[in-house]
N, C-alpha and C. Protein backbone atom coordinates (compact mmCIF):
# COMPACT_ATOMS: atom_id res chain seq x y z
N MET A 1 -39.11 95.22 -100.98
CA MET A 1 -40.40 94.66 -100.68
C MET A 1 -41.49 95.68 -100.99
N THR A 2 -42.63 95.18 -101.31
CA THR A 2 -43.75 96.07 -101.60
C THR A 2 -44.76 96.04 -100.46
N ARG A 3 -45.56 97.09 -100.41
CA ARG A 3 -46.61 97.16 -99.40
C ARG A 3 -47.80 96.33 -99.85
N PRO A 4 -48.32 95.51 -98.93
CA PRO A 4 -49.51 94.73 -99.30
C PRO A 4 -50.69 95.65 -99.56
N GLN A 5 -51.52 95.29 -100.52
CA GLN A 5 -52.69 96.10 -100.82
C GLN A 5 -53.76 95.92 -99.75
N GLY A 6 -54.57 96.96 -99.56
CA GLY A 6 -55.65 96.89 -98.60
C GLY A 6 -55.21 97.06 -97.16
N LYS A 7 -54.02 97.57 -96.92
CA LYS A 7 -53.46 97.72 -95.60
C LYS A 7 -53.39 99.19 -95.24
N PRO A 8 -53.63 99.54 -93.98
CA PRO A 8 -53.53 100.94 -93.58
C PRO A 8 -52.15 101.51 -93.89
N GLU A 9 -52.10 102.78 -94.26
CA GLU A 9 -50.86 103.39 -94.71
C GLU A 9 -50.06 104.08 -93.61
N HIS A 10 -50.50 104.05 -92.36
CA HIS A 10 -49.70 104.67 -91.31
C HIS A 10 -49.66 103.76 -90.09
N ILE A 11 -48.70 104.02 -89.22
CA ILE A 11 -48.49 103.16 -88.05
C ILE A 11 -49.76 103.00 -87.24
N GLY A 12 -50.45 104.09 -86.98
CA GLY A 12 -51.67 104.02 -86.16
C GLY A 12 -52.73 103.12 -86.77
N GLY A 13 -52.87 103.18 -88.07
CA GLY A 13 -53.85 102.33 -88.74
C GLY A 13 -53.46 100.86 -88.67
N ARG A 14 -52.17 100.59 -88.83
CA ARG A 14 -51.70 99.20 -88.74
C ARG A 14 -51.85 98.69 -87.30
N LEU A 15 -51.53 99.53 -86.33
CA LEU A 15 -51.66 99.14 -84.94
C LEU A 15 -53.12 98.82 -84.61
N ARG A 16 -54.03 99.66 -85.05
CA ARG A 16 -55.46 99.42 -84.80
C ARG A 16 -55.91 98.11 -85.47
N LYS A 17 -55.49 97.90 -86.72
CA LYS A 17 -55.87 96.68 -87.44
C LYS A 17 -55.40 95.44 -86.68
N LEU A 18 -54.18 95.46 -86.22
CA LEU A 18 -53.63 94.33 -85.47
C LEU A 18 -54.38 94.13 -84.15
N ARG A 19 -54.61 95.22 -83.46
CA ARG A 19 -55.31 95.16 -82.17
C ARG A 19 -56.70 94.56 -82.36
N GLU A 20 -57.39 94.99 -83.39
CA GLU A 20 -58.73 94.47 -83.66
C GLU A 20 -58.68 93.00 -84.08
N MET A 21 -57.65 92.61 -84.85
CA MET A 21 -57.48 91.21 -85.23
C MET A 21 -57.35 90.33 -83.98
N ALA A 22 -56.67 90.88 -82.98
CA ALA A 22 -56.42 90.13 -81.74
C ALA A 22 -57.60 90.18 -80.78
N GLY A 23 -58.57 91.06 -81.06
CA GLY A 23 -59.71 91.20 -80.17
C GLY A 23 -59.36 91.93 -78.89
N LEU A 24 -58.39 92.83 -78.95
CA LEU A 24 -57.94 93.57 -77.78
C LEU A 24 -58.50 94.97 -77.75
N SER A 25 -58.72 95.48 -76.56
CA SER A 25 -58.99 96.91 -76.41
C SER A 25 -57.63 97.62 -76.41
N ALA A 26 -57.65 98.91 -76.63
CA ALA A 26 -56.41 99.69 -76.59
C ALA A 26 -55.81 99.61 -75.18
N ARG A 27 -56.66 99.63 -74.19
CA ARG A 27 -56.19 99.56 -72.80
C ARG A 27 -55.46 98.24 -72.53
N GLU A 28 -56.03 97.14 -73.01
CA GLU A 28 -55.41 95.83 -72.82
C GLU A 28 -54.08 95.73 -73.55
N LEU A 29 -54.00 96.27 -74.76
CA LEU A 29 -52.74 96.26 -75.49
C LEU A 29 -51.68 97.06 -74.74
N ASP A 30 -52.06 98.21 -74.22
CA ASP A 30 -51.11 99.00 -73.42
C ASP A 30 -50.60 98.18 -72.24
N ARG A 31 -51.50 97.48 -71.57
CA ARG A 31 -51.10 96.69 -70.41
C ARG A 31 -50.13 95.58 -70.80
N LEU A 32 -50.44 94.86 -71.89
CA LEU A 32 -49.58 93.77 -72.33
C LEU A 32 -48.21 94.27 -72.78
N ALA A 33 -48.18 95.45 -73.38
CA ALA A 33 -46.92 96.03 -73.84
C ALA A 33 -46.21 96.81 -72.73
N GLU A 34 -46.85 96.84 -71.55
CA GLU A 34 -46.30 97.55 -70.40
C GLU A 34 -46.05 99.02 -70.72
N ARG A 35 -47.08 99.62 -71.31
CA ARG A 35 -47.07 101.03 -71.66
C ARG A 35 -48.16 101.75 -70.89
N THR A 36 -48.02 103.05 -70.77
CA THR A 36 -49.00 103.87 -70.07
C THR A 36 -50.34 103.79 -70.76
N GLU A 37 -51.41 103.66 -69.97
CA GLU A 37 -52.75 103.61 -70.53
C GLU A 37 -53.00 104.85 -71.38
N GLY A 38 -53.55 104.64 -72.56
CA GLY A 38 -53.84 105.73 -73.49
C GLY A 38 -52.80 105.88 -74.59
N HIS A 39 -51.66 105.23 -74.42
CA HIS A 39 -50.58 105.36 -75.40
C HIS A 39 -50.97 104.79 -76.76
N CYS A 40 -51.56 103.60 -76.75
CA CYS A 40 -52.00 102.97 -78.00
C CYS A 40 -53.01 103.85 -78.72
N ASN A 41 -53.97 104.34 -77.96
CA ASN A 41 -55.01 105.20 -78.55
C ASN A 41 -54.39 106.44 -79.19
N LEU A 42 -53.43 107.03 -78.53
CA LEU A 42 -52.76 108.22 -79.07
C LEU A 42 -52.13 107.91 -80.42
N ILE A 43 -51.44 106.79 -80.51
CA ILE A 43 -50.79 106.40 -81.77
C ILE A 43 -51.83 106.16 -82.86
N GLU A 44 -52.93 105.52 -82.49
CA GLU A 44 -53.97 105.21 -83.48
C GLU A 44 -54.65 106.45 -84.02
N VAL A 45 -54.90 107.44 -83.18
CA VAL A 45 -55.67 108.61 -83.63
C VAL A 45 -54.79 109.75 -84.13
N ARG A 46 -53.51 109.73 -83.78
CA ARG A 46 -52.60 110.79 -84.25
C ARG A 46 -51.47 110.15 -85.04
N PRO A 47 -51.66 109.98 -86.34
CA PRO A 47 -50.67 109.29 -87.16
C PRO A 47 -49.28 109.89 -87.11
N LYS A 48 -49.18 111.17 -86.79
CA LYS A 48 -47.87 111.81 -86.78
C LYS A 48 -47.32 111.95 -85.36
N ALA A 49 -47.90 111.21 -84.41
CA ALA A 49 -47.42 111.24 -83.03
C ALA A 49 -45.97 110.79 -82.98
N ASN A 50 -45.20 111.42 -82.12
CA ASN A 50 -43.79 111.08 -81.94
C ASN A 50 -43.71 109.87 -81.02
N VAL A 51 -43.40 108.72 -81.59
CA VAL A 51 -43.37 107.47 -80.84
C VAL A 51 -41.97 106.87 -80.91
N GLY A 52 -41.46 106.48 -79.77
CA GLY A 52 -40.12 105.90 -79.72
C GLY A 52 -40.06 104.49 -80.28
N ALA A 53 -38.89 104.11 -80.73
CA ALA A 53 -38.68 102.78 -81.30
C ALA A 53 -38.95 101.69 -80.28
N ALA A 54 -38.59 101.91 -79.01
CA ALA A 54 -38.81 100.89 -77.98
C ALA A 54 -40.30 100.64 -77.77
N THR A 55 -41.09 101.70 -77.81
CA THR A 55 -42.54 101.56 -77.66
C THR A 55 -43.11 100.74 -78.81
N LEU A 56 -42.73 101.07 -80.01
CA LEU A 56 -43.22 100.34 -81.18
C LEU A 56 -42.75 98.89 -81.15
N ALA A 57 -41.53 98.66 -80.70
CA ALA A 57 -41.01 97.30 -80.60
C ALA A 57 -41.82 96.48 -79.60
N ASP A 58 -42.24 97.12 -78.50
CA ASP A 58 -43.06 96.42 -77.51
C ASP A 58 -44.41 96.02 -78.09
N TYR A 59 -45.05 96.94 -78.82
CA TYR A 59 -46.33 96.61 -79.46
C TYR A 59 -46.14 95.51 -80.50
N ALA A 60 -45.09 95.60 -81.29
CA ALA A 60 -44.82 94.58 -82.31
C ALA A 60 -44.60 93.21 -81.66
N ARG A 61 -43.88 93.19 -80.55
CA ARG A 61 -43.64 91.93 -79.84
C ARG A 61 -44.95 91.31 -79.36
N VAL A 62 -45.78 92.10 -78.70
CA VAL A 62 -47.05 91.59 -78.18
C VAL A 62 -47.93 91.06 -79.32
N LEU A 63 -47.93 91.75 -80.45
CA LEU A 63 -48.81 91.41 -81.56
C LEU A 63 -48.19 90.40 -82.54
N GLY A 64 -46.92 90.05 -82.31
CA GLY A 64 -46.28 89.02 -83.12
C GLY A 64 -45.96 89.42 -84.55
N VAL A 65 -45.64 90.70 -84.75
CA VAL A 65 -45.28 91.17 -86.09
C VAL A 65 -43.89 91.78 -86.05
N SER A 66 -43.30 91.93 -87.22
CA SER A 66 -41.99 92.56 -87.27
C SER A 66 -42.15 94.08 -87.10
N LEU A 67 -41.12 94.69 -86.60
CA LEU A 67 -41.11 96.14 -86.47
C LEU A 67 -41.21 96.78 -87.85
N ASP A 68 -40.60 96.16 -88.85
CA ASP A 68 -40.69 96.66 -90.23
C ASP A 68 -42.14 96.73 -90.69
N TRP A 69 -42.93 95.69 -90.38
CA TRP A 69 -44.31 95.70 -90.83
C TRP A 69 -45.11 96.76 -90.09
N LEU A 70 -44.91 96.85 -88.78
CA LEU A 70 -45.66 97.83 -88.01
C LEU A 70 -45.31 99.26 -88.43
N VAL A 71 -44.05 99.55 -88.58
CA VAL A 71 -43.61 100.92 -88.88
C VAL A 71 -43.77 101.27 -90.36
N LEU A 72 -43.33 100.37 -91.22
CA LEU A 72 -43.25 100.69 -92.65
C LEU A 72 -44.31 100.00 -93.50
N GLY A 73 -44.90 98.97 -92.98
CA GLY A 73 -45.89 98.23 -93.76
C GLY A 73 -45.28 97.36 -94.83
N VAL A 74 -44.02 96.97 -94.66
CA VAL A 74 -43.37 96.13 -95.67
C VAL A 74 -43.37 94.68 -95.21
N GLY A 75 -43.41 93.79 -96.18
CA GLY A 75 -43.42 92.37 -95.88
C GLY A 75 -44.82 91.80 -95.98
N ASP A 76 -44.91 90.55 -95.63
CA ASP A 76 -46.20 89.87 -95.69
C ASP A 76 -47.09 90.36 -94.55
N PRO A 77 -48.36 90.58 -94.83
CA PRO A 77 -49.28 90.98 -93.75
C PRO A 77 -49.45 89.84 -92.76
N PRO A 78 -49.65 90.16 -91.50
CA PRO A 78 -49.80 89.12 -90.49
C PRO A 78 -51.10 88.35 -90.65
N ARG A 79 -51.08 87.10 -90.21
CA ARG A 79 -52.28 86.27 -90.22
C ARG A 79 -52.96 86.38 -88.86
N VAL A 80 -54.27 86.36 -88.85
CA VAL A 80 -55.05 86.50 -87.62
C VAL A 80 -54.59 85.49 -86.57
N GLU A 81 -54.44 84.24 -86.97
CA GLU A 81 -54.07 83.21 -85.99
C GLU A 81 -52.70 83.45 -85.38
N ASP A 82 -51.77 84.02 -86.16
CA ASP A 82 -50.44 84.33 -85.63
C ASP A 82 -50.50 85.47 -84.63
N VAL A 83 -51.30 86.49 -84.94
CA VAL A 83 -51.45 87.63 -84.03
C VAL A 83 -52.08 87.17 -82.72
N ARG A 84 -53.12 86.37 -82.82
CA ARG A 84 -53.80 85.89 -81.60
C ARG A 84 -52.89 85.00 -80.77
N ALA A 85 -52.09 84.17 -81.41
CA ALA A 85 -51.16 83.30 -80.67
C ALA A 85 -50.10 84.14 -79.95
N ALA A 86 -49.61 85.19 -80.60
CA ALA A 86 -48.62 86.06 -79.98
C ALA A 86 -49.20 86.76 -78.76
N VAL A 87 -50.44 87.20 -78.87
CA VAL A 87 -51.11 87.87 -77.75
C VAL A 87 -51.27 86.90 -76.59
N GLU A 88 -51.62 85.66 -76.87
CA GLU A 88 -51.76 84.67 -75.79
C GLU A 88 -50.42 84.44 -75.10
N ARG A 89 -49.34 84.41 -75.86
CA ARG A 89 -48.01 84.28 -75.25
C ARG A 89 -47.71 85.48 -74.37
N ALA A 90 -48.05 86.68 -74.86
CA ALA A 90 -47.82 87.90 -74.08
C ALA A 90 -48.66 87.89 -72.80
N ARG A 91 -49.87 87.42 -72.88
CA ARG A 91 -50.73 87.35 -71.69
C ARG A 91 -50.11 86.45 -70.63
N GLY A 92 -49.47 85.39 -71.07
CA GLY A 92 -48.83 84.48 -70.13
C GLY A 92 -47.64 85.09 -69.43
N GLY A 93 -47.01 86.07 -70.05
CA GLY A 93 -45.81 86.67 -69.48
C GLY A 93 -46.03 87.96 -68.73
N VAL A 94 -47.26 88.51 -68.73
CA VAL A 94 -47.50 89.81 -68.12
C VAL A 94 -48.56 89.75 -67.04
N GLN A 95 -48.91 88.61 -66.58
CA GLN A 95 -49.95 88.51 -65.55
C GLN A 95 -49.45 89.09 -64.23
N GLY A 96 -50.32 89.88 -63.61
CA GLY A 96 -50.02 90.38 -62.28
C GLY A 96 -48.88 91.36 -62.19
N THR A 97 -48.76 92.27 -63.17
CA THR A 97 -47.68 93.24 -63.14
C THR A 97 -47.95 94.38 -62.17
N GLY A 98 -49.20 94.48 -61.71
CA GLY A 98 -49.54 95.55 -60.78
C GLY A 98 -49.85 96.86 -61.47
N THR A 99 -49.95 96.86 -62.80
CA THR A 99 -50.21 98.10 -63.52
C THR A 99 -51.69 98.29 -63.80
N GLU A 100 -52.52 97.31 -63.44
CA GLU A 100 -53.93 97.43 -63.72
C GLU A 100 -54.58 98.43 -62.78
N GLY A 101 -55.64 99.09 -63.36
CA GLY A 101 -56.56 99.96 -62.68
C GLY A 101 -56.01 100.81 -61.67
């Protein structure tokens, strides 16, 4: 598979692009993925950050993309409506986890 043109070349850039497509703050994405606040931001600003596969899989799940696309940028780029629908599903499953504020 080839990398789609016009797409960020590192995980942090792809994560930010997806987050922005969904209209999420980094804090909200962390909450939906059940990750520590600030984790998403760290990945976005430090492309070489050491990030575990489980963490990336959680972000990919919330955003409705394959782990291959998030990590490697291979495959078809996600559509805005698909990303937003995945986030809405994630919101339905993570309400009231007690991790807020």
